[in-house]
All heavy atoms as atom14 arrays in JSON, in Angstrom:
{
  "sequence": "DLGCIPAKEEIQQALEMRHGKQLQKKFSNATVAICGLGGLGSHIAFA",
  "atom14_mask": [
    [1, 1, 1, 1, 1, 1, 1, 1, 0, 0, 0, 0, 0, 0],
    [1, 1, 1, 1, 1, 1, 1, 1, 0, 0, 0, 0, 0, 0],
    [1, 1, 1, 1, 0, 0, 0, 0, 0, 0, 0, 0, 0, 0],
    [1, 1, 1, 1, 1, 1, 0, 0, 0, 0, 0, 0, 0, 0],
    [1, 1, 1, 1, 1, 1, 1, 1, 0, 0, 0, 0, 0, 0],
    [1, 1, 1, 1, 1, 1, 1, 0, 0, 0, 0, 0, 0, 0],
    [1, 1, 1, 1, 1, 0, 0, 0, 0, 0, 0, 0, 0, 0],
    [1, 1, 1, 1, 1, 1, 1, 1, 1, 0, 0, 0, 0, 0],
    [1, 1, 1, 1, 1, 1, 1, 1, 1, 0, 0, 0, 0, 0],
    [1, 1, 1, 1, 1, 1, 1, 1, 1, 0, 0, 0, 0, 0],
    [1, 1, 1, 1, 1, 1, 1, 1, 0, 0, 0, 0, 0, 0],
    [1, 1, 1, 1, 1, 1, 1, 1, 1, 0, 0, 0, 0, 0],
    [1, 1, 1, 1, 1, 1, 1, 1, 1, 0, 0, 0, 0, 0],
    [1, 1, 1, 1, 1, 0, 0, 0, 0, 0, 0, 0, 0, 0],
    [1, 1, 1, 1, 1, 1, 1, 1, 0, 0, 0, 0, 0, 0],
    [1, 1, 1, 1, 1, 1, 1, 1, 1, 0, 0, 0, 0, 0],
    [1, 1, 1, 1, 1, 1, 1, 1, 0, 0, 0, 0, 0, 0],
    [1, 1, 1, 1, 1, 1, 1, 1, 1, 1, 1, 0, 0, 0],
    [1, 1, 1, 1, 1, 1, 1, 1, 1, 1, 0, 0, 0, 0],
    [1, 1, 1, 1, 0, 0, 0, 0, 0, 0, 0, 0, 0, 0],
    [1, 1, 1, 1, 1, 1, 1, 1, 1, 0, 0, 0, 0, 0],
    [1, 1, 1, 1, 1, 1, 1, 1, 1, 0, 0, 0, 0, 0],
    [1, 1, 1, 1, 1, 1, 1, 1, 0, 0, 0, 0, 0, 0],
    [1, 1, 1, 1, 1, 1, 1, 1, 1, 0, 0, 0, 0, 0],
    [1, 1, 1, 1, 1, 1, 1, 1, 1, 0, 0, 0, 0, 0],
    [1, 1, 1, 1, 1, 1, 1, 1, 1, 0, 0, 0, 0, 0],
    [1, 1, 1, 1, 1, 1, 1, 1, 1, 1, 1, 0, 0, 0],
    [1, 1, 1, 1, 1, 1, 0, 0, 0, 0, 0, 0, 0, 0],
    [1, 1, 1, 1, 1, 1, 1, 1, 0, 0, 0, 0, 0, 0],
    [1, 1, 1, 1, 1, 0, 0, 0, 0, 0, 0, 0, 0, 0],
    [1, 1, 1, 1, 1, 1, 1, 0, 0, 0, 0, 0, 0, 0],
    [1, 1, 1, 1, 1, 1, 1, 0, 0, 0, 0, 0, 0, 0],
    [1, 1, 1, 1, 1, 0, 0, 0, 0, 0, 0, 0, 0, 0],
    [1, 1, 1, 1, 1, 1, 1, 1, 0, 0, 0, 0, 0, 0],
    [1, 1, 1, 1, 1, 1, 0, 0, 0, 0, 0, 0, 0, 0],
    [1, 1, 1, 1, 0, 0, 0, 0, 0, 0, 0, 0, 0, 0],
    [1, 1, 1, 1, 1, 1, 1, 1, 0, 0, 0, 0, 0, 0],
    [1, 1, 1, 1, 0, 0, 0, 0, 0, 0, 0, 0, 0, 0],
    [1, 1, 1, 1, 0, 0, 0, 0, 0, 0, 0, 0, 0, 0],
    [1, 1, 1, 1, 1, 1, 1, 1, 0, 0, 0, 0, 0, 0],
    [1, 1, 1, 1, 0, 0, 0, 0, 0, 0, 0, 0, 0, 0],
    [1, 1, 1, 1, 1, 1, 0, 0, 0, 0, 0, 0, 0, 0],
    [1, 1, 1, 1, 1, 1, 1, 1, 1, 1, 0, 0, 0, 0],
    [1, 1, 1, 1, 1, 1, 1, 1, 0, 0, 0, 0, 0, 0],
    [1, 1, 1, 1, 1, 0, 0, 0, 0, 0, 0, 0, 0, 0],
    [1, 1, 1, 1, 1, 1, 1, 1, 1, 1, 1, 0, 0, 0],
    [1, 1, 1, 1, 1, 0, 0, 0, 0, 0, 0, 0, 0, 0]
  ],
  "atom14_positions": [
    [[72.41, 151.1, 107.65], [72.62, 152.47, 107.21], [71.27, 153.17, 107.16], [70.45, 152.94, 106.25], [73.28, 152.49, 105.84], [73.56, 153.92, 105.37], [73.29, 154.87, 106.15], [74.04, 154.07, 104.23], [0.0, 0.0, 0.0], [0.0, 0.0, 0.0], [0.0, 0.0, 0.0], [0.0, 0.0, 0.0], [0.0, 0.0, 0.0], [0.0, 0.0, 0.0]],
    [[70.98, 154.02, 108.15], [69.69, 154.7, 108.21], [69.53, 155.73, 107.11], [68.44, 156.26, 106.9], [69.53, 155.36, 109.59], [69.5, 154.4, 110.77], [69.37, 155.19, 112.08], [68.39, 153.38, 110.65], [0.0, 0.0, 0.0], [0.0, 0.0, 0.0], [0.0, 0.0, 0.0], [0.0, 0.0, 0.0], [0.0, 0.0, 0.0], [0.0, 0.0, 0.0]],
    [[70.62, 156.03, 106.4], [70.52, 156.98, 105.31], [69.96, 156.36, 104.03], [69.65, 157.07, 103.08], [0.0, 0.0, 0.0], [0.0, 0.0, 0.0], [0.0, 0.0, 0.0], [0.0, 0.0, 0.0], [0.0, 0.0, 0.0], [0.0, 0.0, 0.0], [0.0, 0.0, 0.0], [0.0, 0.0, 0.0], [0.0, 0.0, 0.0], [0.0, 0.0, 0.0]],
    [[69.84, 155.05, 104.0], [69.35, 154.35, 102.81], [67.82, 154.3, 102.85], [67.22, 153.27, 103.2], [69.92, 152.94, 102.73], [71.71, 152.91, 102.49], [0.0, 0.0, 0.0], [0.0, 0.0, 0.0], [0.0, 0.0, 0.0], [0.0, 0.0, 0.0], [0.0, 0.0, 0.0], [0.0, 0.0, 0.0], [0.0, 0.0, 0.0], [0.0, 0.0, 0.0]],
    [[67.18, 155.4, 102.5], [65.72, 155.48, 102.51], [65.18, 154.98, 101.18], [65.68, 155.36, 100.12], [65.27, 156.93, 102.76], [65.76, 157.4, 104.13], [63.76, 157.08, 102.66], [65.5, 158.86, 104.41], [0.0, 0.0, 0.0], [0.0, 0.0, 0.0], [0.0, 0.0, 0.0], [0.0, 0.0, 0.0], [0.0, 0.0, 0.0], [0.0, 0.0, 0.0]],
    [[64.16, 154.13, 101.19], [63.58, 153.66, 99.93], [63.05, 154.82, 99.1], [62.64, 155.86, 99.63], [62.44, 152.74, 100.39], [62.76, 152.38, 101.8], [63.51, 153.55, 102.37], [0.0, 0.0, 0.0], [0.0, 0.0, 0.0], [0.0, 0.0, 0.0], [0.0, 0.0, 0.0], [0.0, 0.0, 0.0], [0.0, 0.0, 0.0], [0.0, 0.0, 0.0]],
    [[63.01, 154.64, 97.81], [62.46, 155.65, 96.92], [60.96, 155.78, 97.15], [60.31, 154.85, 97.64], [62.72, 155.27, 95.47], [0.0, 0.0, 0.0], [0.0, 0.0, 0.0], [0.0, 0.0, 0.0], [0.0, 0.0, 0.0], [0.0, 0.0, 0.0], [0.0, 0.0, 0.0], [0.0, 0.0, 0.0], [0.0, 0.0, 0.0], [0.0, 0.0, 0.0]],
    [[60.44, 156.94, 96.81], [59.01, 157.19, 96.99], [58.17, 156.14, 96.27], [57.15, 155.67, 96.8], [58.66, 158.59, 96.48], [57.22, 158.98, 96.7], [56.96, 160.41, 96.25], [55.52, 160.83, 96.52], [55.28, 162.24, 96.1], [0.0, 0.0, 0.0], [0.0, 0.0, 0.0], [0.0, 0.0, 0.0], [0.0, 0.0, 0.0], [0.0, 0.0, 0.0]],
    [[58.59, 155.76, 95.09], [57.85, 154.78, 94.31], [57.82, 153.42, 95.0], [56.82, 152.7, 94.95], [58.47, 154.64, 92.92], [58.32, 155.86, 92.04], [59.27, 157.0, 92.42], [60.24, 156.74, 93.17], [59.03, 158.14, 91.98], [0.0, 0.0, 0.0], [0.0, 0.0, 0.0], [0.0, 0.0, 0.0], [0.0, 0.0, 0.0], [0.0, 0.0, 0.0]],
    [[58.91, 153.06, 95.66], [58.98, 151.78, 96.36], [58.0, 151.76, 97.54], [57.3, 150.76, 97.76], [60.4, 151.53, 96.87], [61.43, 151.29, 95.79], [62.8, 151.07, 96.39], [63.48, 152.06, 96.73], [63.19, 149.89, 96.54], [0.0, 0.0, 0.0], [0.0, 0.0, 0.0], [0.0, 0.0, 0.0], [0.0, 0.0, 0.0], [0.0, 0.0, 0.0]],
    [[57.97, 152.84, 98.28], [57.05, 152.91, 99.41], [55.61, 152.89, 98.93], [54.75, 152.21, 99.5], [57.33, 154.16, 100.26], [58.7, 154.04, 100.94], [56.23, 154.39, 101.29], [59.1, 155.22, 101.79], [0.0, 0.0, 0.0], [0.0, 0.0, 0.0], [0.0, 0.0, 0.0], [0.0, 0.0, 0.0], [0.0, 0.0, 0.0], [0.0, 0.0, 0.0]],
    [[55.33, 153.61, 97.84], [53.98, 153.63, 97.28], [53.56, 152.24, 96.83], [52.42, 151.8, 97.07], [53.91, 154.62, 96.12], [52.51, 154.85, 95.56], [51.61, 155.59, 96.53], [52.1, 156.22, 97.47], [50.31, 155.51, 96.3], [0.0, 0.0, 0.0], [0.0, 0.0, 0.0], [0.0, 0.0, 0.0], [0.0, 0.0, 0.0], [0.0, 0.0, 0.0]],
    [[54.45, 151.53, 96.2], [54.14, 150.17, 95.74], [53.86, 149.24, 96.92], [52.95, 148.4, 96.86], [55.29, 149.63, 94.9], [55.41, 150.27, 93.53], [56.65, 149.83, 92.78], [57.4, 148.96, 93.26], [56.89, 150.42, 91.62], [0.0, 0.0, 0.0], [0.0, 0.0, 0.0], [0.0, 0.0, 0.0], [0.0, 0.0, 0.0], [0.0, 0.0, 0.0]],
    [[54.63, 149.4, 98.0], [54.41, 148.57, 99.18], [53.03, 148.83, 99.79], [52.33, 147.9, 100.21], [55.5, 148.84, 100.21], [0.0, 0.0, 0.0], [0.0, 0.0, 0.0], [0.0, 0.0, 0.0], [0.0, 0.0, 0.0], [0.0, 0.0, 0.0], [0.0, 0.0, 0.0], [0.0, 0.0, 0.0], [0.0, 0.0, 0.0], [0.0, 0.0, 0.0]],
    [[52.63, 150.11, 99.82], [51.3, 150.46, 100.34], [50.2, 149.93, 99.43], [49.17, 149.45, 99.91], [51.19, 151.98, 100.49], [52.02, 152.61, 101.61], [52.06, 154.13, 101.45], [51.48, 152.22, 102.98], [0.0, 0.0, 0.0], [0.0, 0.0, 0.0], [0.0, 0.0, 0.0], [0.0, 0.0, 0.0], [0.0, 0.0, 0.0], [0.0, 0.0, 0.0]],
    [[50.41, 150.01, 98.14], [49.41, 149.52, 97.19], [49.26, 148.0, 97.28], [48.15, 147.47, 97.12], [49.79, 149.93, 95.77], [49.64, 151.42, 95.52], [50.13, 151.85, 94.16], [50.71, 150.99, 93.44], [49.96, 153.03, 93.8], [0.0, 0.0, 0.0], [0.0, 0.0, 0.0], [0.0, 0.0, 0.0], [0.0, 0.0, 0.0], [0.0, 0.0, 0.0]],
    [[50.35, 147.3, 97.55], [50.28, 145.85, 97.72], [49.43, 145.51, 98.93], [48.72, 144.49, 98.95], [51.69, 145.28, 97.88], [52.51, 145.25, 96.61], [54.2, 144.63, 96.89], [53.85, 142.97, 97.49], [0.0, 0.0, 0.0], [0.0, 0.0, 0.0], [0.0, 0.0, 0.0], [0.0, 0.0, 0.0], [0.0, 0.0, 0.0], [0.0, 0.0, 0.0]],
    [[49.48, 146.34, 99.96], [48.73, 146.08, 101.18], [47.27, 146.51, 101.05], [46.36, 145.78, 101.45], [49.39, 146.82, 102.35], [48.66, 146.7, 103.68], [48.57, 145.26, 104.15], [49.89, 144.66, 104.31], [50.09, 143.38, 104.6], [49.05, 142.56, 104.72], [51.31, 142.91, 104.74], [0.0, 0.0, 0.0], [0.0, 0.0, 0.0], [0.0, 0.0, 0.0]],
    [[47.04, 147.7, 100.48], [45.69, 148.27, 100.48], [44.97, 148.18, 99.14], [43.75, 148.39, 99.09], [45.76, 149.76, 100.87], [46.38, 149.99, 102.2], [47.21, 151.06, 102.48], [46.31, 149.28, 103.37], [47.61, 151.0, 103.73], [47.1, 149.94, 104.29], [0.0, 0.0, 0.0], [0.0, 0.0, 0.0], [0.0, 0.0, 0.0], [0.0, 0.0, 0.0]],
    [[45.71, 147.92, 98.07], [45.14, 147.98, 96.74], [45.3, 149.38, 96.16], [45.28, 150.37, 96.89], [0.0, 0.0, 0.0], [0.0, 0.0, 0.0], [0.0, 0.0, 0.0], [0.0, 0.0, 0.0], [0.0, 0.0, 0.0], [0.0, 0.0, 0.0], [0.0, 0.0, 0.0], [0.0, 0.0, 0.0], [0.0, 0.0, 0.0], [0.0, 0.0, 0.0]],
    [[45.46, 149.48, 94.84], [45.75, 150.78, 94.22], [44.62, 151.78, 94.41], [44.85, 152.96, 94.69], [46.02, 150.6, 92.73], [47.39, 150.01, 92.42], [47.68, 150.06, 90.92], [49.08, 149.54, 90.63], [49.4, 149.62, 89.18], [0.0, 0.0, 0.0], [0.0, 0.0, 0.0], [0.0, 0.0, 0.0], [0.0, 0.0, 0.0], [0.0, 0.0, 0.0]],
    [[43.39, 151.34, 94.24], [42.25, 152.27, 94.32], [42.11, 152.87, 95.71], [41.94, 154.08, 95.86], [40.96, 151.56, 93.92], [39.75, 152.48, 93.84], [38.52, 151.76, 93.34], [38.52, 150.57, 93.07], [37.43, 152.51, 93.18], [0.0, 0.0, 0.0], [0.0, 0.0, 0.0], [0.0, 0.0, 0.0], [0.0, 0.0, 0.0], [0.0, 0.0, 0.0]],
    [[42.18, 152.03, 96.74], [42.04, 152.52, 98.1], [43.24, 153.37, 98.5], [43.09, 154.42, 99.13], [41.88, 151.36, 99.08], [41.69, 151.74, 100.55], [40.52, 152.69, 100.74], [41.52, 150.5, 101.41], [0.0, 0.0, 0.0], [0.0, 0.0, 0.0], [0.0, 0.0, 0.0], [0.0, 0.0, 0.0], [0.0, 0.0, 0.0], [0.0, 0.0, 0.0]],
    [[44.44, 152.93, 98.11], [45.62, 153.72, 98.47], [45.6, 155.08, 97.81], [46.08, 156.06, 98.39], [46.9, 152.96, 98.09], [48.17, 153.64, 98.57], [48.15, 153.89, 100.06], [47.87, 152.99, 100.86], [48.42, 155.13, 100.47], [0.0, 0.0, 0.0], [0.0, 0.0, 0.0], [0.0, 0.0, 0.0], [0.0, 0.0, 0.0], [0.0, 0.0, 0.0]],
    [[45.03, 155.17, 96.62], [44.92, 156.48, 95.96], [44.06, 157.42, 96.8], [44.37, 158.61, 96.94], [44.33, 156.31, 94.57], [44.26, 157.62, 93.78], [43.74, 157.4, 92.37], [43.68, 158.7, 91.6], [43.17, 158.5, 90.21], [0.0, 0.0, 0.0], [0.0, 0.0, 0.0], [0.0, 0.0, 0.0], [0.0, 0.0, 0.0], [0.0, 0.0, 0.0]],
    [[42.99, 156.9, 97.4], [42.14, 157.72, 98.26], [42.92, 158.18, 99.49], [42.8, 159.34, 99.9], [40.91, 156.93, 98.69], [39.95, 156.62, 97.55], [38.75, 155.82, 98.05], [37.8, 155.51, 96.9], [36.62, 154.73, 97.37], [0.0, 0.0, 0.0], [0.0, 0.0, 0.0], [0.0, 0.0, 0.0], [0.0, 0.0, 0.0], [0.0, 0.0, 0.0]],
    [[43.7, 157.28, 100.08], [44.5, 157.65, 101.24], [45.55, 158.7, 100.85], [45.74, 159.7, 101.56], [45.21, 156.42, 101.81], [44.3, 155.4, 102.45], [44.8, 154.16, 102.83], [42.96, 155.66, 102.66], [43.99, 153.21, 103.43], [42.13, 154.71, 103.24], [42.64, 153.48, 103.62], [0.0, 0.0, 0.0], [0.0, 0.0, 0.0], [0.0, 0.0, 0.0]],
    [[46.21, 158.49, 99.74], [47.29, 159.38, 99.32], [46.78, 160.78, 98.98], [47.51, 161.77, 99.14], [48.03, 158.8, 98.11], [48.63, 157.56, 98.44], [0.0, 0.0, 0.0], [0.0, 0.0, 0.0], [0.0, 0.0, 0.0], [0.0, 0.0, 0.0], [0.0, 0.0, 0.0], [0.0, 0.0, 0.0], [0.0, 0.0, 0.0], [0.0, 0.0, 0.0]],
    [[45.55, 160.87, 98.51], [44.98, 162.16, 98.11], [44.31, 162.89, 99.27], [43.85, 164.03, 99.09], [43.96, 161.97, 96.99], [44.61, 161.57, 95.68], [45.8, 161.8, 95.46], [43.85, 160.95, 94.8], [0.0, 0.0, 0.0], [0.0, 0.0, 0.0], [0.0, 0.0, 0.0], [0.0, 0.0, 0.0], [0.0, 0.0, 0.0], [0.0, 0.0, 0.0]],
    [[44.25, 162.28, 100.44], [43.5, 162.85, 101.57], [44.34, 163.82, 102.38], [45.56, 163.67, 102.49], [42.99, 161.74, 102.48], [0.0, 0.0, 0.0], [0.0, 0.0, 0.0], [0.0, 0.0, 0.0], [0.0, 0.0, 0.0], [0.0, 0.0, 0.0], [0.0, 0.0, 0.0], [0.0, 0.0, 0.0], [0.0, 0.0, 0.0], [0.0, 0.0, 0.0]],
    [[43.66, 164.81, 102.95], [44.26, 165.74, 103.9], [43.51, 165.63, 105.22], [42.3, 165.85, 105.26], [44.19, 167.19, 103.38], [44.92, 167.3, 102.16], [44.77, 168.16, 104.4], [0.0, 0.0, 0.0], [0.0, 0.0, 0.0], [0.0, 0.0, 0.0], [0.0, 0.0, 0.0], [0.0, 0.0, 0.0], [0.0, 0.0, 0.0], [0.0, 0.0, 0.0]],
    [[44.23, 165.29, 106.26], [43.62, 165.09, 107.59], [44.26, 166.05, 108.57], [45.49, 166.13, 108.66], [43.81, 163.64, 108.08], [43.16, 163.46, 109.46], [43.21, 162.65, 107.08], [0.0, 0.0, 0.0], [0.0, 0.0, 0.0], [0.0, 0.0, 0.0], [0.0, 0.0, 0.0], [0.0, 0.0, 0.0], [0.0, 0.0, 0.0], [0.0, 0.0, 0.0]],
    [[43.44, 166.78, 109.3], [43.93, 167.7, 110.33], [43.82, 167.03, 111.7], [42.82, 166.38, 112.01], [43.12, 168.98, 110.33], [0.0, 0.0, 0.0], [0.0, 0.0, 0.0], [0.0, 0.0, 0.0], [0.0, 0.0, 0.0], [0.0, 0.0, 0.0], [0.0, 0.0, 0.0], [0.0, 0.0, 0.0], [0.0, 0.0, 0.0], [0.0, 0.0, 0.0]],
    [[44.85, 167.21, 112.52], [44.86, 166.68, 113.88], [45.04, 167.85, 114.83], [46.08, 168.51, 114.83], [45.98, 165.64, 114.07], [45.83, 164.52, 113.03], [45.94, 165.08, 115.48], [46.97, 163.52, 113.05], [0.0, 0.0, 0.0], [0.0, 0.0, 0.0], [0.0, 0.0, 0.0], [0.0, 0.0, 0.0], [0.0, 0.0, 0.0], [0.0, 0.0, 0.0]],
    [[44.03, 168.1, 115.63], [44.02, 169.23, 116.56], [44.4, 168.74, 117.95], [43.6, 168.11, 118.64], [42.63, 169.88, 116.58], [42.08, 170.46, 114.98], [0.0, 0.0, 0.0], [0.0, 0.0, 0.0], [0.0, 0.0, 0.0], [0.0, 0.0, 0.0], [0.0, 0.0, 0.0], [0.0, 0.0, 0.0], [0.0, 0.0, 0.0], [0.0, 0.0, 0.0]],
    [[45.63, 169.01, 118.34], [46.17, 168.5, 119.59], [47.1, 167.34, 119.31], [46.7, 166.36, 118.68], [0.0, 0.0, 0.0], [0.0, 0.0, 0.0], [0.0, 0.0, 0.0], [0.0, 0.0, 0.0], [0.0, 0.0, 0.0], [0.0, 0.0, 0.0], [0.0, 0.0, 0.0], [0.0, 0.0, 0.0], [0.0, 0.0, 0.0], [0.0, 0.0, 0.0]],
    [[48.35, 167.44, 119.76], [49.36, 166.44, 119.42], [49.9, 165.73, 120.66], [51.08, 165.41, 120.75], [50.5, 167.11, 118.66], [50.09, 167.87, 117.39], [51.31, 168.51, 116.74], [49.37, 166.95, 116.41], [0.0, 0.0, 0.0], [0.0, 0.0, 0.0], [0.0, 0.0, 0.0], [0.0, 0.0, 0.0], [0.0, 0.0, 0.0], [0.0, 0.0, 0.0]],
    [[49.01, 165.48, 121.61], [49.4, 164.75, 122.82], [49.25, 163.26, 122.63], [49.58, 162.7, 121.58], [0.0, 0.0, 0.0], [0.0, 0.0, 0.0], [0.0, 0.0, 0.0], [0.0, 0.0, 0.0], [0.0, 0.0, 0.0], [0.0, 0.0, 0.0], [0.0, 0.0, 0.0], [0.0, 0.0, 0.0], [0.0, 0.0, 0.0], [0.0, 0.0, 0.0]],
    [[48.74, 162.58, 123.67], [48.6, 161.13, 123.61], [47.71, 160.67, 122.48], [48.02, 159.69, 121.79], [0.0, 0.0, 0.0], [0.0, 0.0, 0.0], [0.0, 0.0, 0.0], [0.0, 0.0, 0.0], [0.0, 0.0, 0.0], [0.0, 0.0, 0.0], [0.0, 0.0, 0.0], [0.0, 0.0, 0.0], [0.0, 0.0, 0.0], [0.0, 0.0, 0.0]],
    [[46.6, 161.34, 122.28], [45.72, 160.99, 121.17], [46.32, 161.4, 119.83], [46.51, 160.59, 118.94], [44.36, 161.66, 121.34], [43.43, 161.11, 122.4], [42.21, 162.01, 122.54], [42.99, 159.69, 122.05], [0.0, 0.0, 0.0], [0.0, 0.0, 0.0], [0.0, 0.0, 0.0], [0.0, 0.0, 0.0], [0.0, 0.0, 0.0], [0.0, 0.0, 0.0]],
    [[46.6, 162.69, 119.7], [47.0, 163.21, 118.41], [48.28, 162.63, 117.85], [48.38, 162.36, 116.65], [0.0, 0.0, 0.0], [0.0, 0.0, 0.0], [0.0, 0.0, 0.0], [0.0, 0.0, 0.0], [0.0, 0.0, 0.0], [0.0, 0.0, 0.0], [0.0, 0.0, 0.0], [0.0, 0.0, 0.0], [0.0, 0.0, 0.0], [0.0, 0.0, 0.0]],
    [[49.27, 162.42, 118.71], [50.54, 161.89, 118.2], [50.38, 160.46, 117.71], [50.99, 160.06, 116.71], [51.64, 161.98, 119.27], [51.32, 161.21, 120.41], [0.0, 0.0, 0.0], [0.0, 0.0, 0.0], [0.0, 0.0, 0.0], [0.0, 0.0, 0.0], [0.0, 0.0, 0.0], [0.0, 0.0, 0.0], [0.0, 0.0, 0.0], [0.0, 0.0, 0.0]],
    [[49.53, 159.68, 118.38], [49.3, 158.3, 117.94], [48.41, 158.26, 116.7], [48.6, 157.4, 115.82], [48.69, 157.47, 119.07], [49.68, 157.06, 120.09], [49.83, 157.69, 121.3], [50.61, 156.07, 120.09], [50.8, 157.12, 122.0], [51.29, 156.13, 121.28], [0.0, 0.0, 0.0], [0.0, 0.0, 0.0], [0.0, 0.0, 0.0], [0.0, 0.0, 0.0]],
    [[47.43, 159.15, 116.61], [46.63, 159.23, 115.39], [47.54, 159.53, 114.2], [47.44, 158.9, 113.14], [45.56, 160.33, 115.51], [44.52, 159.97, 116.56], [44.87, 160.56, 114.16], [43.58, 161.11, 116.93], [0.0, 0.0, 0.0], [0.0, 0.0, 0.0], [0.0, 0.0, 0.0], [0.0, 0.0, 0.0], [0.0, 0.0, 0.0], [0.0, 0.0, 0.0]],
    [[48.44, 160.48, 114.39], [49.35, 160.87, 113.31], [50.22, 159.7, 112.86], [50.4, 159.48, 111.65], [50.22, 162.04, 113.76], [0.0, 0.0, 0.0], [0.0, 0.0, 0.0], [0.0, 0.0, 0.0], [0.0, 0.0, 0.0], [0.0, 0.0, 0.0], [0.0, 0.0, 0.0], [0.0, 0.0, 0.0], [0.0, 0.0, 0.0], [0.0, 0.0, 0.0]],
    [[50.75, 158.94, 113.79], [51.59, 157.8, 113.44], [50.8, 156.77, 112.65], [51.27, 156.23, 111.64], [52.19, 157.17, 114.7], [53.61, 157.58, 114.95], [53.92, 158.89, 115.31], [54.65, 156.68, 114.82], [55.22, 159.29, 115.52], [55.97, 157.06, 115.04], [56.25, 158.38, 115.38], [0.0, 0.0, 0.0], [0.0, 0.0, 0.0], [0.0, 0.0, 0.0]],
    [[49.58, 156.47, 113.11], [48.77, 155.46, 112.42], [48.43, 155.9, 111.0], [48.49, 155.1, 110.05], [47.49, 155.19, 113.21], [0.0, 0.0, 0.0], [0.0, 0.0, 0.0], [0.0, 0.0, 0.0], [0.0, 0.0, 0.0], [0.0, 0.0, 0.0], [0.0, 0.0, 0.0], [0.0, 0.0, 0.0], [0.0, 0.0, 0.0], [0.0, 0.0, 0.0]]
  ]
}
């Protein structure tokens, strides 16, 4: 069921388990601009 999306808190916890709370906080608070959404930009965005 593709409609069963995990809660925001669950996803955040999974990221924190991988990156650590301190580092994930830096990632979560960041704003990144991507100029151009072709081969480079679309893959940068996904990563």
